[in-house]
Amino acid sequence: MVDTTISDTNSKQPVNILWTGGWDSTFRMIQLAVSGAVIQPYYVIDTARISSLTEIRQMYIIKDDLSRKYKDCEIKDIKLIELSRIDIPDKYVKTHKKLLKDSYIGSQYIWLAALSEQIADLELSIHKDDTAEYFVRKLVNKEKGPESDEFTIFGRLKFPILDYTKPEMEEEAKTTGDLDILYKSWFCHKPINNTPCGICNPCKYTIAEGMANRFTIRGKIYNKAPRLFSLTRKVVHRLI
């Protein structure tokens, strides 16, 4: 069944984690560093997303911060994987389509399922109020078993922060004195002048989950009025 427990960091076996540079996976990186774990981060490069370079830059900054602060932990070099090089069996595409009939699930879970075949016990930072929580909970609550579509996609992954909300992550980071590091995380897919746009899906989810304080006034306005963003882009384009 799906594993939602915290990894045993005392064994000094590397903890495999998908690190996106975002709030949730960075929070998990902090947890692991505090515990003195050996951490093996993985990052999947999607060349179609303009935020990839920003995410990678922030991850290396955070990695250095954590390594300096927590001497007992070991953060191995980030393993960068090109999305185009992940072999995706057709069964994951078909299963994803079936799950979509029940509730929304991002297309990234197609290649994440494939990646979980290649990387053992890969941690995924799905959390409370995450759009994918709906499916993972069915496995955790034993409503669905090994023969289910939910298991096909999520069954080989681990979910150590499933019971956390984003504000709860913020509170825990405060108690360990790592809030400044957590705030170096990145989430926006379409940054404007190196600030979150407010209109891409990660921005929408971040605001919906109680983290509007991470946005500039412009980002908050665009989130409330995405049409204004489109009009602004048209005006700028004409001026150029």
Foldseek 3Di string as FASTA:
>chain_A
DAAQADDDQVVQDEAAEAAQLALQSLLVVLVCLVVLHEYAYEYEDDPVFPCRVVSVVLVVVLVVVSCVVRVSHHYDDYHYHYLVPQDFDVVLVVLQVVVVVVPDDDPVLRSVLSVLVVDAQYEDAAAPPRRCLVLVVCVVVVVDDCVDSSCSRRVRYHHHHHHDASVNSCVVCVVVVNNVSSLSGDFARDDDPPFHQLDDPSNLSCVVSPNCVRHDPNSVVCNVPVVVVVVVVVVVVVVD
